[in-house]
Amino acid sequence: MKAYFKRLTDACPKHNFIIWWVFRLLMVYAFVAGFFKTPFDITDPLQVAANLLCMFVWEIFMMFPEKSVFRHVTPGFQTFLIAGIFAASFGGKFMNFYYDIRWWDSVLHFIGGAGGVFYGYELVCALMKKEKKNASIAMVLLASVGFSFIASTLWELFEFSFDQVAGMMSGYPGDSQHWSFELALGTPKLETLFDPIVPERWPIMDIMADIVLNTLGAAASYVILKIYPYRHKGKYKFDLDFENKEAVSVS
């Protein structure tokens, strides 16, 4: 265990842990406060708890053996992930910003699609470092965009599954997908990206808007990384020529 904690501190600046734990403690507060909300809904603390666990991804990666690709993932991967989860779970769910702020969900899906490409980029870079092999920027970006679409789909599957499980536990479906037209009535959330024409189409239009925004975000990241590819320096530095194109070094 001592070796594990030393591995964490050697691989990640201490200020990162401070930032992470500020967000995590706020999530713990949201989890506890969820049990005292009126009316009480068990899905509130359960959803916060599930998202809180995802805030420890990088520490979990560091438990893997040295030969694992995940041991080569930079801590910056988790910083961006924690910020996104916090905005979605604490802001969107706990503070009810999904329904109180018109563009909250839309912006998060756009950023999520964009972030998925960067996550994929980081994973491909970690894989190349582990294997001591190179790849063209075209292949790296193709894999990164593919990862973004996979991650976006898995997120929607998580929300769907959570709502189904919540329904079996409480007798009424959860609202992870924000599918309820009745809950949206009288709130800024009622206005979707596309006109549903009839109320019955409101949930599917909301979901399709999420998919469109994920796609637009992924496309934006693709363009940015195509123009401005980067490689790491310091502990995570490795040879990466991207077909002899100049790449920017970042920590």
C-alpha atoms as a PDB file:
ATOM      1  CA  MET A   1       0.000   0.000   0.000  1.00  0.00           C
ATOM      2  CA  LYS A   2       2.864   2.365   0.816  1.00  0.00           C
ATOM      3  CA  ALA A   3       4.362   1.712  -2.621  1.00  0.00           C
ATOM      4  CA  TYR A   4       0.999   2.445  -4.229  1.00  0.00           C
ATOM      5  CA  PHE A   5       0.635   5.844  -2.554  1.00  0.00           C
ATOM      6  CA  LYS A   6       4.218   6.706  -3.456  1.00  0.00           C
ATOM      7  CA  ARG A   7       3.397   5.804  -7.051  1.00  0.00           C
ATOM      8  CA  LEU A   8       0.482   8.244  -6.958  1.00  0.00           C
ATOM      9  CA  THR A   9       2.489  11.134  -5.539  1.00  0.00           C
ATOM     10  CA  ASP A  10       5.408  10.501  -7.891  1.00  0.00           C
ATOM     11  CA  ALA A  11       3.160  10.460 -10.945  1.00  0.00           C
ATOM     12  CA  CYS A  12       0.893  13.388 -10.093  1.00  0.00           C
ATOM     13  CA  PRO A  13       1.515  16.916  -8.709  1.00  0.00           C
ATOM     14  CA  LYS A  14       0.073  17.412  -5.219  1.00  0.00           C
ATOM     15  CA  HIS A  15      -2.097  20.349  -6.276  1.00  0.00           C
ATOM     16  CA  ASN A  16      -4.034  17.978  -8.548  1.00  0.00           C
ATOM     17  CA  PHE A  17      -5.078  15.905  -5.531  1.00  0.00           C
ATOM     18  CA  ILE A  18      -6.235  19.054  -3.736  1.00  0.00           C
ATOM     19  CA  ILE A  19      -8.392  20.060  -6.700  1.00  0.00           C
ATOM     20  CA  TRP A  20      -9.787  16.528  -7.032  1.00  0.00           C
ATOM     21  CA  TRP A  21     -10.716  16.291  -3.367  1.00  0.00           C
ATOM     22  CA  VAL A  22     -12.478  19.643  -3.350  1.00  0.00           C
ATOM     23  CA  PHE A  23     -14.828  18.312  -6.035  1.00  0.00           C
ATOM     24  CA  ARG A  24     -15.116  14.914  -4.343  1.00  0.00           C
ATOM     25  CA  LEU A  25     -16.039  16.372  -0.949  1.00  0.00           C
ATOM     26  CA  LEU A  26     -18.734  18.486  -2.556  1.00  0.00           C
ATOM     27  CA  MET A  27     -20.066  15.301  -4.141  1.00  0.00           C
ATOM     28  CA  VAL A  28     -20.052  13.593  -0.725  1.00  0.00           C
ATOM     29  CA  TYR A  29     -22.075  16.528   0.588  1.00  0.00           C
ATOM     30  CA  ALA A  30     -24.558  16.119  -2.280  1.00  0.00           C
ATOM     31  CA  PHE A  31     -24.790  12.388  -1.545  1.00  0.00           C
ATOM     32  CA  VAL A  32     -25.612  12.944   2.143  1.00  0.00           C
ATOM     33  CA  ALA A  33     -27.942  15.866   1.447  1.00  0.00           C
ATOM     34  CA  GLY A  34     -29.862  13.684  -1.005  1.00  0.00           C
ATOM     35  CA  PHE A  35     -31.233  11.646   1.900  1.00  0.00           C
ATOM     36  CA  PHE A  36     -32.763  14.763   3.463  1.00  0.00           C
ATOM     37  CA  LYS A  37     -34.438  16.231   0.390  1.00  0.00           C
ATOM     38  CA  THR A  38     -38.202  16.588   0.456  1.00  0.00           C
ATOM     39  CA  PRO A  39     -39.792  14.704  -1.154  1.00  0.00           C
ATOM     40  CA  PHE A  40     -37.171  12.000  -0.754  1.00  0.00           C
ATOM     41  CA  ASP A  41     -36.091  10.211  -3.936  1.00  0.00           C
ATOM     42  CA  ILE A  42     -33.593   7.351  -3.515  1.00  0.00           C
ATOM     43  CA  THR A  43     -32.353   7.847  -7.063  1.00  0.00           C
ATOM     44  CA  ASP A  44     -30.788  11.203  -6.134  1.00  0.00           C
ATOM     45  CA  PRO A  45     -28.100   9.920  -3.728  1.00  0.00           C
ATOM     46  CA  LEU A  46     -27.674   6.720  -5.754  1.00  0.00           C
ATOM     47  CA  GLN A  47     -26.867   8.629  -8.925  1.00  0.00           C
ATOM     48  CA  VAL A  48     -24.467  10.947  -7.089  1.00  0.00           C
ATOM     49  CA  ALA A  49     -22.728   7.928  -5.531  1.00  0.00           C
ATOM     50  CA  ALA A  50     -22.323   6.218  -8.900  1.00  0.00           C
ATOM     51  CA  ASN A  51     -20.806   9.361 -10.399  1.00  0.00           C
ATOM     52  CA  LEU A  52     -18.586   9.883  -7.357  1.00  0.00           C
ATOM     53  CA  LEU A  53     -16.982   6.482  -7.919  1.00  0.00           C
ATOM     54  CA  CYS A  54     -16.046   7.559 -11.453  1.00  0.00           C
ATOM     55  CA  MET A  55     -13.995  10.383  -9.940  1.00  0.00           C
ATOM     56  CA  PHE A  56     -11.379   7.830  -8.815  1.00  0.00           C
ATOM     57  CA  VAL A  57     -10.619   6.386 -12.241  1.00  0.00           C
ATOM     58  CA  TRP A  58      -6.966   7.444 -12.369  1.00  0.00           C
ATOM     59  CA  GLU A  59      -6.204   6.081  -8.880  1.00  0.00           C
ATOM     60  CA  ILE A  60      -7.793   2.806  -9.967  1.00  0.00           C
ATOM     61  CA  PHE A  61      -5.643   2.812 -13.098  1.00  0.00           C
ATOM     62  CA  MET A  62      -2.544   3.124 -10.915  1.00  0.00           C
ATOM     63  CA  MET A  63      -3.472  -0.158  -9.185  1.00  0.00           C
ATOM     64  CA  PHE A  64      -2.992  -2.021 -12.441  1.00  0.00           C
ATOM     65  CA  PRO A  65       0.302  -3.818 -13.170  1.00  0.00           C
ATOM     66  CA  GLU A  66       3.108  -1.921 -14.893  1.00  0.00           C
ATOM     67  CA  LYS A  67       2.484  -3.720 -18.184  1.00  0.00           C
ATOM     68  CA  SER A  68      -1.071  -2.350 -18.341  1.00  0.00           C
ATOM     69  CA  VAL A  69      -1.735   0.510 -20.751  1.00  0.00           C
ATOM     70  CA  PHE A  70      -3.756   2.299 -18.072  1.00  0.00           C
ATOM     71  CA  ARG A  71      -0.636   2.824 -15.960  1.00  0.00           C
ATOM     72  CA  HIS A  72       0.604   5.196 -18.672  1.00  0.00           C
ATOM     73  CA  VAL A  73      -2.467   7.457 -18.633  1.00  0.00           C
ATOM     74  CA  THR A  74      -1.690  10.981 -17.435  1.00  0.00           C
ATOM     75  CA  PRO A  75      -3.429  12.446 -14.339  1.00  0.00           C
ATOM     76  CA  GLY A  76      -4.754  15.263 -16.537  1.00  0.00           C
ATOM     77  CA  PHE A  77      -7.191  12.663 -17.891  1.00  0.00           C
ATOM     78  CA  GLN A  78      -8.879  12.572 -14.489  1.00  0.00           C
ATOM     79  CA  THR A  79      -8.901  16.338 -13.911  1.00  0.00           C
ATOM     80  CA  PHE A  80     -11.026  16.899 -17.007  1.00  0.00           C
ATOM     81  CA  LEU A  81     -13.195  13.881 -16.166  1.00  0.00           C
ATOM     82  CA  ILE A  82     -13.883  15.078 -12.611  1.00  0.00           C
ATOM     83  CA  ALA A  83     -14.857  18.546 -13.805  1.00  0.00           C
ATOM     84  CA  GLY A  84     -17.339  17.064 -16.271  1.00  0.00           C
ATOM     85  CA  ILE A  85     -18.839  14.639 -13.765  1.00  0.00           C
ATOM     86  CA  PHE A  86     -19.174  17.397 -11.175  1.00  0.00           C
ATOM     87  CA  ALA A  87     -20.956  19.703 -13.620  1.00  0.00           C
ATOM     88  CA  ALA A  88     -23.335  16.905 -14.613  1.00  0.00           C
ATOM     89  CA  SER A  89     -24.016  15.335 -11.220  1.00  0.00           C
ATOM     90  CA  PHE A  90     -23.649  18.144  -8.670  1.00  0.00           C
ATOM     91  CA  GLY A  91     -24.742  20.986 -10.929  1.00  0.00           C
ATOM     92  CA  GLY A  92     -27.178  19.186 -13.184  1.00  0.00           C
ATOM     93  CA  LYS A  93     -28.745  16.678 -10.811  1.00  0.00           C
ATOM     94  CA  PHE A  94     -28.236  17.983  -7.266  1.00  0.00           C
ATOM     95  CA  MET A  95     -28.652  21.707  -8.045  1.00  0.00           C
ATOM     96  CA  ASN A  96     -31.321  20.929 -10.693  1.00  0.00           C
ATOM     97  CA  PHE A  97     -29.530  22.965 -13.359  1.00  0.00           C
ATOM     98  CA  TYR A  98     -30.749  20.534 -16.015  1.00  0.00           C
ATOM     99  CA  TYR A  99     -34.221  21.989 -15.611  1.00  0.00           C
ATOM    100  CA  ASP A 100     -33.428  25.482 -14.298  1.00  0.00           C
ATOM    101  CA  ILE A 101     -30.804  26.496 -16.885  1.00  0.00           C
ATOM    102  CA  ARG A 102     -31.848  26.137 -20.518  1.00  0.00           C
ATOM    103  CA  TRP A 103     -28.482  25.262 -22.067  1.00  0.00           C
ATOM    104  CA  TRP A 104     -26.882  23.351 -19.186  1.00  0.00           C
ATOM    105  CA  ASP A 105     -27.490  19.873 -20.598  1.00  0.00           C
ATOM    106  CA  SER A 106     -26.727  20.955 -24.164  1.00  0.00           C
ATOM    107  CA  VAL A 107     -23.365  22.500 -23.276  1.00  0.00           C
ATOM    108  CA  LEU A 108     -22.381  19.467 -21.209  1.00  0.00           C
ATOM    109  CA  HIS A 109     -23.121  17.100 -24.080  1.00  0.00           C
ATOM    110  CA  PHE A 110     -21.092  19.232 -26.484  1.00  0.00           C
ATOM    111  CA  ILE A 111     -18.183  19.338 -24.030  1.00  0.00           C
ATOM    112  CA  GLY A 112     -18.619  15.614 -23.335  1.00  0.00           C
ATOM    113  CA  GLY A 113     -18.307  14.746 -27.014  1.00  0.00           C
ATOM    114  CA  ALA A 114     -15.239  16.973 -27.281  1.00  0.00           C
ATOM    115  CA  GLY A 115     -13.728  15.552 -24.114  1.00  0.00           C
ATOM    116  CA  GLY A 116     -14.273  12.007 -25.346  1.00  0.00           C
ATOM    117  CA  VAL A 117     -11.907  12.670 -28.246  1.00  0.00           C
ATOM    118  CA  PHE A 118      -9.236  13.974 -25.878  1.00  0.00           C
ATOM    119  CA  TYR A 119      -9.736  10.940 -23.602  1.00  0.00           C
ATOM    120  CA  GLY A 120      -9.277   8.685 -26.624  1.00  0.00           C
ATOM    121  CA  TYR A 121      -6.195  10.657 -27.666  1.00  0.00           C
ATOM    122  CA  GLU A 122      -4.703  10.190 -24.185  1.00  0.00           C
ATOM    123  CA  LEU A 123      -5.434   6.455 -24.214  1.00  0.00           C
ATOM    124  CA  VAL A 124      -3.883   5.986 -27.649  1.00  0.00           C
ATOM    125  CA  CYS A 125      -0.808   7.932 -26.548  1.00  0.00           C
ATOM    126  CA  ALA A 126      -0.582   5.746 -23.431  1.00  0.00           C
ATOM    127  CA  LEU A 127      -0.854   2.635 -25.597  1.00  0.00           C
ATOM    128  CA  MET A 128       1.891   3.829 -27.930  1.00  0.00           C
ATOM    129  CA  LYS A 129       4.130   4.606 -24.974  1.00  0.00           C
ATOM    130  CA  LYS A 130       3.551   1.161 -23.481  1.00  0.00           C
ATOM    131  CA  GLU A 131       4.128  -0.644 -26.773  1.00  0.00           C
ATOM    132  CA  LYS A 132       6.996   1.692 -27.769  1.00  0.00           C
ATOM    133  CA  LYS A 133       5.386   2.067 -31.174  1.00  0.00           C
ATOM    134  CA  ASN A 134       4.279   5.017 -33.246  1.00  0.00           C
ATOM    135  CA  ALA A 135       1.199   5.822 -35.299  1.00  0.00           C
ATOM    136  CA  SER A 136       0.143   8.460 -37.772  1.00  0.00           C
ATOM    137  CA  ILE A 137      -1.962  11.371 -36.569  1.00  0.00           C
ATOM    138  CA  ALA A 138      -4.739  10.153 -38.879  1.00  0.00           C
ATOM    139  CA  MET A 139      -4.908   6.792 -37.073  1.00  0.00           C
ATOM    140  CA  VAL A 140      -4.673   8.416 -33.647  1.00  0.00           C
ATOM    141  CA  LEU A 141      -7.549  10.764 -34.417  1.00  0.00           C
ATOM    142  CA  LEU A 142      -9.668   8.013 -35.969  1.00  0.00           C
ATOM    143  CA  ALA A 143      -9.296   5.960 -32.785  1.00  0.00           C
ATOM    144  CA  SER A 144      -9.929   9.030 -30.617  1.00  0.00           C
ATOM    145  CA  VAL A 145     -13.162   9.955 -32.388  1.00  0.00           C
ATOM    146  CA  GLY A 146     -14.279   6.322 -32.226  1.00  0.00           C
ATOM    147  CA  PHE A 147     -13.624   6.298 -28.488  1.00  0.00           C
ATOM    148  CA  SER A 148     -15.706   9.457 -28.087  1.00  0.00           C
ATOM    149  CA  PHE A 149     -18.699   7.826 -29.766  1.00  0.00           C
ATOM    150  CA  ILE A 150     -18.285   4.677 -27.671  1.00  0.00           C
ATOM    151  CA  ALA A 151     -18.069   6.722 -24.461  1.00  0.00           C
ATOM    152  CA  SER A 152     -21.133   8.792 -25.414  1.00  0.00           C
ATOM    153  CA  THR A 153     -23.115   5.628 -26.144  1.00  0.00           C
ATOM    154  CA  LEU A 154     -22.035   4.009 -22.884  1.00  0.00           C
ATOM    155  CA  TRP A 155     -23.124   7.122 -20.987  1.00  0.00           C
ATOM    156  CA  GLU A 156     -26.589   6.945 -22.530  1.00  0.00           C
ATOM    157  CA  LEU A 157     -26.737   3.218 -21.713  1.00  0.00           C
ATOM    158  CA  PHE A 158     -25.770   3.980 -18.114  1.00  0.00           C
ATOM    159  CA  GLU A 159     -28.531   6.578 -17.819  1.00  0.00           C
ATOM    160  CA  PHE A 160     -31.069   4.209 -19.371  1.00  0.00           C
ATOM    161  CA  SER A 161     -30.027   1.316 -17.111  1.00  0.00           C
ATOM    162  CA  PHE A 162     -30.038   3.512 -14.024  1.00  0.00           C
ATOM    163  CA  ASP A 163     -33.573   4.711 -14.762  1.00  0.00           C
ATOM    164  CA  GLN A 164     -34.733   1.113 -15.260  1.00  0.00           C
ATOM    165  CA  VAL A 165     -33.168  -0.066 -11.992  1.00  0.00           C
ATOM    166  CA  ALA A 166     -34.532   2.966 -10.150  1.00  0.00           C
ATOM    167  CA  GLY A 167     -37.971   2.130 -11.489  1.00  0.00           C
ATOM    168  CA  MET A 168     -37.782  -1.394 -10.120  1.00  0.00           C
ATOM    169  CA  MET A 169     -36.659  -0.079  -6.719  1.00  0.00           C
ATOM    170  CA  SER A 170     -39.097   2.795  -6.310  1.00  0.00           C
ATOM    171  CA  GLY A 171     -41.961   1.941  -8.658  1.00  0.00           C
ATOM    172  CA  TYR A 172     -41.267   5.038 -10.758  1.00  0.00           C
ATOM    173  CA  PRO A 173     -38.459   5.436 -13.304  1.00  0.00           C
ATOM    174  CA  GLY A 174     -35.480   7.611 -12.501  1.00  0.00           C
ATOM    175  CA  ASP A 175     -34.750  10.759 -14.467  1.00  0.00           C
ATOM    176  CA  SER A 176     -31.103  10.331 -15.454  1.00  0.00           C
ATOM    177  CA  GLN A 177     -32.085  10.709 -19.102  1.00  0.00           C
ATOM    178  CA  HIS A 178     -34.273  13.751 -18.360  1.00  0.00           C
ATOM    179  CA  TRP A 179     -36.979  12.077 -20.392  1.00  0.00           C
ATOM    180  CA  SER A 180     -40.040  13.393 -18.535  1.00  0.00           C
ATOM    181  CA  PHE A 181     -42.121  15.936 -20.437  1.00  0.00           C
ATOM    182  CA  GLU A 182     -44.220  16.490 -17.301  1.00  0.00           C
ATOM    183  CA  LEU A 183     -41.145  17.418 -15.230  1.00  0.00           C
ATOM    184  CA  ALA A 184     -39.983  19.756 -17.970  1.00  0.00           C
ATOM    185  CA  LEU A 185     -43.281  21.652 -18.107  1.00  0.00           C
ATOM    186  CA  GLY A 186     -42.874  25.194 -16.842  1.00  0.00           C
ATOM    187  CA  THR A 187     -39.051  25.001 -16.890  1.00  0.00           C
ATOM    188  CA  PRO A 188     -36.422  26.172 -19.411  1.00  0.00           C
ATOM    189  CA  LYS A 189     -35.738  22.483 -20.106  1.00  0.00           C
ATOM    190  CA  LEU A 190     -39.007  22.227 -22.043  1.00  0.00           C
ATOM    191  CA  GLU A 191     -37.410  23.860 -25.093  1.00  0.00           C
ATOM    192  CA  THR A 192     -35.360  21.176 -26.849  1.00  0.00           C
ATOM    193  CA  LEU A 193     -32.755  21.695 -29.552  1.00  0.00           C
ATOM    194  CA  PHE A 194     -35.276  20.449 -32.133  1.00  0.00           C
ATOM    195  CA  ASP A 195     -38.992  21.112 -32.212  1.00  0.00           C
ATOM    196  CA  PRO A 196     -40.752  17.897 -31.034  1.00  0.00           C
ATOM    197  CA  ILE A 197     -43.957  19.036 -32.853  1.00  0.00           C
ATOM    198  CA  VAL A 198     -46.070  16.952 -30.443  1.00  0.00           C
ATOM    199  CA  PRO A 199     -45.425  16.288 -26.720  1.00  0.00           C
ATOM    200  CA  GLU A 200     -45.127  12.540 -27.305  1.00  0.00           C
ATOM    201  CA  ARG A 201     -41.933  13.140 -29.311  1.00  0.00           C
ATOM    202  CA  TRP A 202     -40.311  15.324 -26.641  1.00  0.00           C
ATOM    203  CA  PRO A 203     -38.213  12.567 -24.974  1.00  0.00           C
ATOM    204  CA  ILE A 204     -36.815  11.209 -28.247  1.00  0.00           C
ATOM    205  CA  MET A 205     -36.020  14.718 -29.482  1.00  0.00           C
ATOM    206  CA  ASP A 206     -34.156  15.425 -26.258  1.00  0.00           C
ATOM    207  CA  ILE A 207     -32.093  12.250 -26.664  1.00  0.00           C
ATOM    208  CA  MET A 208     -31.385  12.957 -30.324  1.00  0.00           C
ATOM    209  CA  ALA A 209     -30.292  16.483 -29.436  1.00  0.00           C
ATOM    210  CA  ASP A 210     -27.799  14.944 -26.992  1.00  0.00           C
ATOM    211  CA  ILE A 211     -26.419  12.703 -29.748  1.00  0.00           C
ATOM    212  CA  VAL A 212     -26.126  15.606 -32.195  1.00  0.00           C
ATOM    213  CA  LEU A 213     -24.307  17.746 -29.623  1.00  0.00           C
ATOM    214  CA  ASN A 214     -21.952  14.876 -28.744  1.00  0.00           C
ATOM    215  CA  THR A 215     -21.143  14.572 -32.441  1.00  0.00           C
ATOM    216  CA  LEU A 216     -20.540  18.301 -32.879  1.00  0.00           C
ATOM    217  CA  GLY A 217     -18.260  18.326 -29.841  1.00  0.00           C
ATOM    218  CA  ALA A 218     -16.282  15.371 -31.187  1.00  0.00           C
ATOM    219  CA  ALA A 219     -15.938  17.086 -34.564  1.00  0.00           C
ATOM    220  CA  ALA A 220     -14.641  20.261 -32.895  1.00  0.00           C
ATOM    221  CA  SER A 221     -11.982  18.308 -30.967  1.00  0.00           C
ATOM    222  CA  TYR A 222     -10.995  16.448 -34.108  1.00  0.00           C
ATOM    223  CA  VAL A 223     -10.329  19.719 -35.909  1.00  0.00           C
ATOM    224  CA  ILE A 224      -8.381  21.148 -32.952  1.00  0.00           C
ATOM    225  CA  LEU A 225      -6.169  18.080 -32.601  1.00  0.00           C
ATOM    226  CA  LYS A 226      -5.696  17.835 -36.354  1.00  0.00           C
ATOM    227  CA  ILE A 227      -4.306  21.374 -36.375  1.00  0.00           C
ATOM    228  CA  TYR A 228      -2.682  21.321 -32.940  1.00  0.00           C
ATOM    229  CA  PRO A 229      -1.547  17.786 -31.982  1.00  0.00           C
ATOM    230  CA  TYR A 230       0.481  17.531 -28.797  1.00  0.00           C
ATOM    231  CA  ARG A 231       2.750  15.118 -26.984  1.00  0.00           C
ATOM    232  CA  HIS A 232       3.644  14.923 -23.315  1.00  0.00           C
ATOM    233  CA  LYS A 233       6.825  15.867 -21.547  1.00  0.00           C
ATOM    234  CA  GLY A 234       8.345  14.894 -18.203  1.00  0.00           C
ATOM    235  CA  LYS A 235       7.348  11.498 -16.802  1.00  0.00           C
ATOM    236  CA  TYR A 236       4.871  10.852 -19.626  1.00  0.00           C
ATOM    237  CA  LYS A 237       7.166  11.931 -22.460  1.00  0.00           C
ATOM    238  CA  PHE A 238       7.752   9.511 -25.328  1.00  0.00           C
ATOM    239  CA  ASP A 239       8.758   9.621 -28.972  1.00  0.00           C
ATOM    240  CA  LEU A 240       5.834  10.618 -31.132  1.00  0.00           C
ATOM    241  CA  ASP A 241       6.492  12.066 -34.555  1.00  0.00           C
ATOM    242  CA  PHE A 242       2.987  11.915 -36.080  1.00  0.00           C
ATOM    243  CA  GLU A 243       4.441  11.353 -39.530  1.00  0.00           C
ATOM    244  CA  ASN A 244       7.186  13.916 -38.813  1.00  0.00           C
ATOM    245  CA  LYS A 245       4.666  16.670 -38.093  1.00  0.00           C
ATOM    246  CA  GLU A 246       5.612  19.085 -35.370  1.00  0.00           C
ATOM    247  CA  ALA A 247       3.716  18.329 -32.181  1.00  0.00           C
ATOM    248  CA  VAL A 248       3.407  20.596 -29.167  1.00  0.00           C
ATOM    249  CA  SER A 249       4.795  19.334 -25.857  1.00  0.00           C
ATOM    250  CA  VAL A 250       2.619  19.629 -22.780  1.00  0.00           C
ATOM    251  CA  SER A 251       3.005  18.458 -19.230  1.00  0.00           C
END
